[in-house]
Amino acid sequence: MYNIDHTEDFNLTVALLVDIFKIKNKALVESCHTTFIALFGSDYTTDVMTAAVFQLAATDADTCHWALHNFYELDACLKLIEGALKFAIQRLISLGFILGKDFSANANGEILLNRAAKLALLDNVSDADWNFLEEILQVVE
């Protein structure tokens, strides 16, 4: 990914982006995103944004949700939501729930599930994982 000489720069950039997300100013985040792409390229920017959102998931759930809601279309957020979708499906199957009976996925990237599946999933994931999963789960009664 990055050589060891760039790790400190990467971590500083992630910390900066985390602080900017915490301000919750969409225009400021978009400006940083555009600037980072111009300076570092698209792949690096996606990696930095992904790392920042992961850090927020572990430390600041409210800001994490704000970021995911406001920047859903960015590559970093799309990849995170896609990963959360795959993770949830695999976890539900490993817990014995049946796709098409206890849960299903829709074209909007959401998982429709019954209350039992939601409770089992909640009991079997970390708080940080749950922050991503909340964005894609829809409980069907």
C-alpha atoms as a PDB file:
ATOM      1  CA  MET A   1       0.000   0.000   0.000  1.00  0.00           C
ATOM      2  CA  TYR A   2       2.319   2.813   1.223  1.00  0.00           C
ATOM      3  CA  ASN A   3       5.931   2.570   2.250  1.00  0.00           C
ATOM      4  CA  ILE A   4       6.847   3.172   5.877  1.00  0.00           C
ATOM      5  CA  ASP A   5       8.164   6.673   5.129  1.00  0.00           C
ATOM      6  CA  HIS A   6       4.672   7.812   4.189  1.00  0.00           C
ATOM      7  CA  THR A   7       2.835   6.249   7.123  1.00  0.00           C
ATOM      8  CA  GLU A   8       3.200   9.330   9.317  1.00  0.00           C
ATOM      9  CA  ASP A   9       1.950  11.601   6.519  1.00  0.00           C
ATOM     10  CA  PHE A  10      -0.990   9.273   5.914  1.00  0.00           C
ATOM     11  CA  ASN A  11      -1.885   9.222   9.626  1.00  0.00           C
ATOM     12  CA  LEU A  12      -1.665  13.015   9.850  1.00  0.00           C
ATOM     13  CA  THR A  13      -3.909  13.368   6.802  1.00  0.00           C
ATOM     14  CA  VAL A  14      -6.439  10.957   8.340  1.00  0.00           C
ATOM     15  CA  ALA A  15      -6.362  12.900  11.632  1.00  0.00           C
ATOM     16  CA  LEU A  16      -6.924  16.155   9.747  1.00  0.00           C
ATOM     17  CA  LEU A  17      -9.857  14.686   7.860  1.00  0.00           C
ATOM     18  CA  VAL A  18     -11.380  13.278  11.072  1.00  0.00           C
ATOM     19  CA  ASP A  19     -11.216  16.761  12.611  1.00  0.00           C
ATOM     20  CA  ILE A  20     -12.790  18.258   9.496  1.00  0.00           C
ATOM     21  CA  PHE A  21     -15.612  15.682   9.537  1.00  0.00           C
ATOM     22  CA  LYS A  22     -16.292  16.582  13.185  1.00  0.00           C
ATOM     23  CA  ILE A  23     -17.024  20.166  12.144  1.00  0.00           C
ATOM     24  CA  LYS A  24     -19.891  18.716  10.050  1.00  0.00           C
ATOM     25  CA  ASN A  25     -19.572  21.263   7.285  1.00  0.00           C
ATOM     26  CA  LYS A  26     -20.358  19.507   4.003  1.00  0.00           C
ATOM     27  CA  ALA A  27     -18.797  22.223   1.824  1.00  0.00           C
ATOM     28  CA  LEU A  28     -15.542  22.071   3.807  1.00  0.00           C
ATOM     29  CA  VAL A  29     -15.330  18.283   3.489  1.00  0.00           C
ATOM     30  CA  GLU A  30     -16.067  18.481  -0.243  1.00  0.00           C
ATOM     31  CA  SER A  31     -13.351  21.136  -0.634  1.00  0.00           C
ATOM     32  CA  CYS A  32     -10.845  18.937   1.199  1.00  0.00           C
ATOM     33  CA  HIS A  33     -11.857  15.948  -0.909  1.00  0.00           C
ATOM     34  CA  THR A  34     -11.271  17.910  -4.120  1.00  0.00           C
ATOM     35  CA  THR A  35      -7.966  19.294  -2.836  1.00  0.00           C
ATOM     36  CA  PHE A  36      -6.745  15.872  -1.702  1.00  0.00           C
ATOM     37  CA  ILE A  37      -7.525  14.395  -5.130  1.00  0.00           C
ATOM     38  CA  ALA A  38      -5.582  17.204  -6.809  1.00  0.00           C
ATOM     39  CA  LEU A  39      -2.619  16.775  -4.445  1.00  0.00           C
ATOM     40  CA  PHE A  40      -2.526  13.034  -3.803  1.00  0.00           C
ATOM     41  CA  GLY A  41      -4.720  11.349  -6.406  1.00  0.00           C
ATOM     42  CA  SER A  42      -8.027   9.530  -6.235  1.00  0.00           C
ATOM     43  CA  ASP A  43      -6.831   6.212  -4.761  1.00  0.00           C
ATOM     44  CA  TYR A  44      -4.914   7.849  -1.907  1.00  0.00           C
ATOM     45  CA  THR A  45      -7.858  10.145  -1.166  1.00  0.00           C
ATOM     46  CA  THR A  46     -10.242   7.181  -1.064  1.00  0.00           C
ATOM     47  CA  ASP A  47      -7.892   5.366   1.319  1.00  0.00           C
ATOM     48  CA  VAL A  48      -7.613   8.423   3.589  1.00  0.00           C
ATOM     49  CA  MET A  49     -11.374   8.959   3.647  1.00  0.00           C
ATOM     50  CA  THR A  50     -11.986   5.272   4.329  1.00  0.00           C
ATOM     51  CA  ALA A  51      -9.524   5.319   7.227  1.00  0.00           C
ATOM     52  CA  ALA A  52     -11.121   8.486   8.610  1.00  0.00           C
ATOM     53  CA  VAL A  53     -14.634   7.021   8.507  1.00  0.00           C
ATOM     54  CA  PHE A  54     -13.378   3.792  10.156  1.00  0.00           C
ATOM     55  CA  GLN A  55     -11.778   5.869  12.896  1.00  0.00           C
ATOM     56  CA  LEU A  56     -15.023   7.779  13.370  1.00  0.00           C
ATOM     57  CA  ALA A  57     -16.970   4.511  13.553  1.00  0.00           C
ATOM     58  CA  ALA A  58     -14.792   3.496  16.497  1.00  0.00           C
ATOM     59  CA  THR A  59     -14.658   6.881  18.243  1.00  0.00           C
ATOM     60  CA  ASP A  60     -17.578   9.102  17.216  1.00  0.00           C
ATOM     61  CA  ALA A  61     -20.683   7.286  15.982  1.00  0.00           C
ATOM     62  CA  ASP A  62     -22.674  10.481  15.446  1.00  0.00           C
ATOM     63  CA  THR A  63     -20.082  11.996  13.120  1.00  0.00           C
ATOM     64  CA  CYS A  64     -19.633   8.649  11.367  1.00  0.00           C
ATOM     65  CA  HIS A  65     -23.355   8.547  10.566  1.00  0.00           C
ATOM     66  CA  TRP A  66     -23.250  12.173   9.428  1.00  0.00           C
ATOM     67  CA  ALA A  67     -20.350  11.399   7.080  1.00  0.00           C
ATOM     68  CA  LEU A  68     -22.041   8.323   5.628  1.00  0.00           C
ATOM     69  CA  HIS A  69     -25.326  10.186   5.081  1.00  0.00           C
ATOM     70  CA  ASN A  70     -23.730  13.259   3.537  1.00  0.00           C
ATOM     71  CA  PHE A  71     -21.077  11.582   1.408  1.00  0.00           C
ATOM     72  CA  TYR A  72     -22.848   8.409   0.358  1.00  0.00           C
ATOM     73  CA  GLU A  73     -21.854   8.977  -3.276  1.00  0.00           C
ATOM     74  CA  LEU A  74     -18.101   9.182  -2.634  1.00  0.00           C
ATOM     75  CA  ASP A  75     -16.054   6.107  -3.499  1.00  0.00           C
ATOM     76  CA  ALA A  76     -14.853   5.686   0.087  1.00  0.00           C
ATOM     77  CA  CYS A  77     -18.379   5.636   1.529  1.00  0.00           C
ATOM     78  CA  LEU A  78     -19.723   3.438  -1.254  1.00  0.00           C
ATOM     79  CA  LYS A  79     -16.975   0.896  -0.597  1.00  0.00           C
ATOM     80  CA  LEU A  80     -17.671   0.968   3.134  1.00  0.00           C
ATOM     81  CA  ILE A  81     -21.408   0.448   2.654  1.00  0.00           C
ATOM     82  CA  GLU A  82     -20.757  -2.353   0.144  1.00  0.00           C
ATOM     83  CA  GLY A  83     -18.376  -3.987   2.620  1.00  0.00           C
ATOM     84  CA  ALA A  84     -20.920  -3.644   5.429  1.00  0.00           C
ATOM     85  CA  LEU A  85     -23.575  -5.265   3.227  1.00  0.00           C
ATOM     86  CA  LYS A  86     -21.364  -8.261   2.448  1.00  0.00           C
ATOM     87  CA  PHE A  87     -20.276  -8.535   6.087  1.00  0.00           C
ATOM     88  CA  ALA A  88     -23.873  -8.493   7.349  1.00  0.00           C
ATOM     89  CA  ILE A  89     -25.019 -11.133   4.867  1.00  0.00           C
ATOM     90  CA  GLN A  90     -22.113 -13.428   5.740  1.00  0.00           C
ATOM     91  CA  ARG A  91     -22.641 -12.912   9.466  1.00  0.00           C
ATOM     92  CA  LEU A  92     -26.387 -13.588   9.255  1.00  0.00           C
ATOM     93  CA  ILE A  93     -25.814 -16.790   7.270  1.00  0.00           C
ATOM     94  CA  SER A  94     -23.145 -17.921   9.750  1.00  0.00           C
ATOM     95  CA  LEU A  95     -25.679 -17.328  12.553  1.00  0.00           C
ATOM     96  CA  GLY A  96     -28.135 -19.682  10.824  1.00  0.00           C
ATOM     97  CA  PHE A  97     -30.480 -17.152   9.249  1.00  0.00           C
ATOM     98  CA  ILE A  98     -31.779 -17.910   5.777  1.00  0.00           C
ATOM     99  CA  LEU A  99     -31.512 -15.488   2.873  1.00  0.00           C
ATOM    100  CA  GLY A 100     -34.979 -14.935   1.412  1.00  0.00           C
ATOM    101  CA  LYS A 101     -36.706 -16.038   4.602  1.00  0.00           C
ATOM    102  CA  ASP A 102     -35.161 -14.134   7.515  1.00  0.00           C
ATOM    103  CA  PHE A 103     -33.494 -11.375   5.518  1.00  0.00           C
ATOM    104  CA  SER A 104     -32.939 -10.120   1.986  1.00  0.00           C
ATOM    105  CA  ALA A 105     -31.038  -7.372   0.196  1.00  0.00           C
ATOM    106  CA  ASN A 106     -32.657  -4.795  -2.052  1.00  0.00           C
ATOM    107  CA  ALA A 107     -31.417  -2.758  -5.015  1.00  0.00           C
ATOM    108  CA  ASN A 108     -30.760   0.250  -2.763  1.00  0.00           C
ATOM    109  CA  GLY A 109     -27.984  -1.573  -0.916  1.00  0.00           C
ATOM    110  CA  GLU A 110     -30.127  -2.176   2.149  1.00  0.00           C
ATOM    111  CA  ILE A 111     -30.756  -5.368   4.059  1.00  0.00           C
ATOM    112  CA  LEU A 112     -34.354  -6.085   5.000  1.00  0.00           C
ATOM    113  CA  LEU A 113     -34.480  -8.339   8.035  1.00  0.00           C
ATOM    114  CA  ASN A 114     -36.785  -9.527  10.756  1.00  0.00           C
ATOM    115  CA  ARG A 115     -36.390  -8.462  14.368  1.00  0.00           C
ATOM    116  CA  ALA A 116     -34.773 -11.765  15.427  1.00  0.00           C
ATOM    117  CA  ALA A 117     -32.092 -11.399  12.756  1.00  0.00           C
ATOM    118  CA  LYS A 118     -31.430  -7.799  13.791  1.00  0.00           C
ATOM    119  CA  LEU A 119     -31.075  -8.719  17.462  1.00  0.00           C
ATOM    120  CA  ALA A 120     -28.753 -11.636  16.652  1.00  0.00           C
ATOM    121  CA  LEU A 121     -26.634  -9.402  14.447  1.00  0.00           C
ATOM    122  CA  LEU A 122     -26.480  -6.719  17.133  1.00  0.00           C
ATOM    123  CA  ASP A 123     -25.275  -9.300  19.664  1.00  0.00           C
ATOM    124  CA  ASN A 124     -22.555 -10.575  17.325  1.00  0.00           C
ATOM    125  CA  VAL A 125     -20.819  -7.453  15.990  1.00  0.00           C
ATOM    126  CA  SER A 126     -18.649  -4.749  17.513  1.00  0.00           C
ATOM    127  CA  ASP A 127     -19.978  -1.254  18.168  1.00  0.00           C
ATOM    128  CA  ALA A 128     -17.860   0.081  15.284  1.00  0.00           C
ATOM    129  CA  ASP A 129     -19.290  -2.544  12.907  1.00  0.00           C
ATOM    130  CA  TRP A 130     -22.804  -1.705  14.104  1.00  0.00           C
ATOM    131  CA  ASN A 131     -22.275   1.959  13.135  1.00  0.00           C
ATOM    132  CA  PHE A 132     -21.878   0.884   9.501  1.00  0.00           C
ATOM    133  CA  LEU A 133     -24.627  -1.719   9.629  1.00  0.00           C
ATOM    134  CA  GLU A 134     -27.196   0.759  10.963  1.00  0.00           C
ATOM    135  CA  GLU A 135     -26.895   2.584   7.649  1.00  0.00           C
ATOM    136  CA  ILE A 136     -28.076  -0.405   5.611  1.00  0.00           C
ATOM    137  CA  LEU A 137     -30.470  -2.346   7.864  1.00  0.00           C
ATOM    138  CA  GLN A 138     -34.243  -2.053   7.598  1.00  0.00           C
ATOM    139  CA  VAL A 139     -36.299  -4.089  10.065  1.00  0.00           C
ATOM    140  CA  VAL A 140     -39.433  -5.600   8.558  1.00  0.00           C
ATOM    141  CA  GLU A 141     -42.132  -6.604  11.017  1.00  0.00           C
END
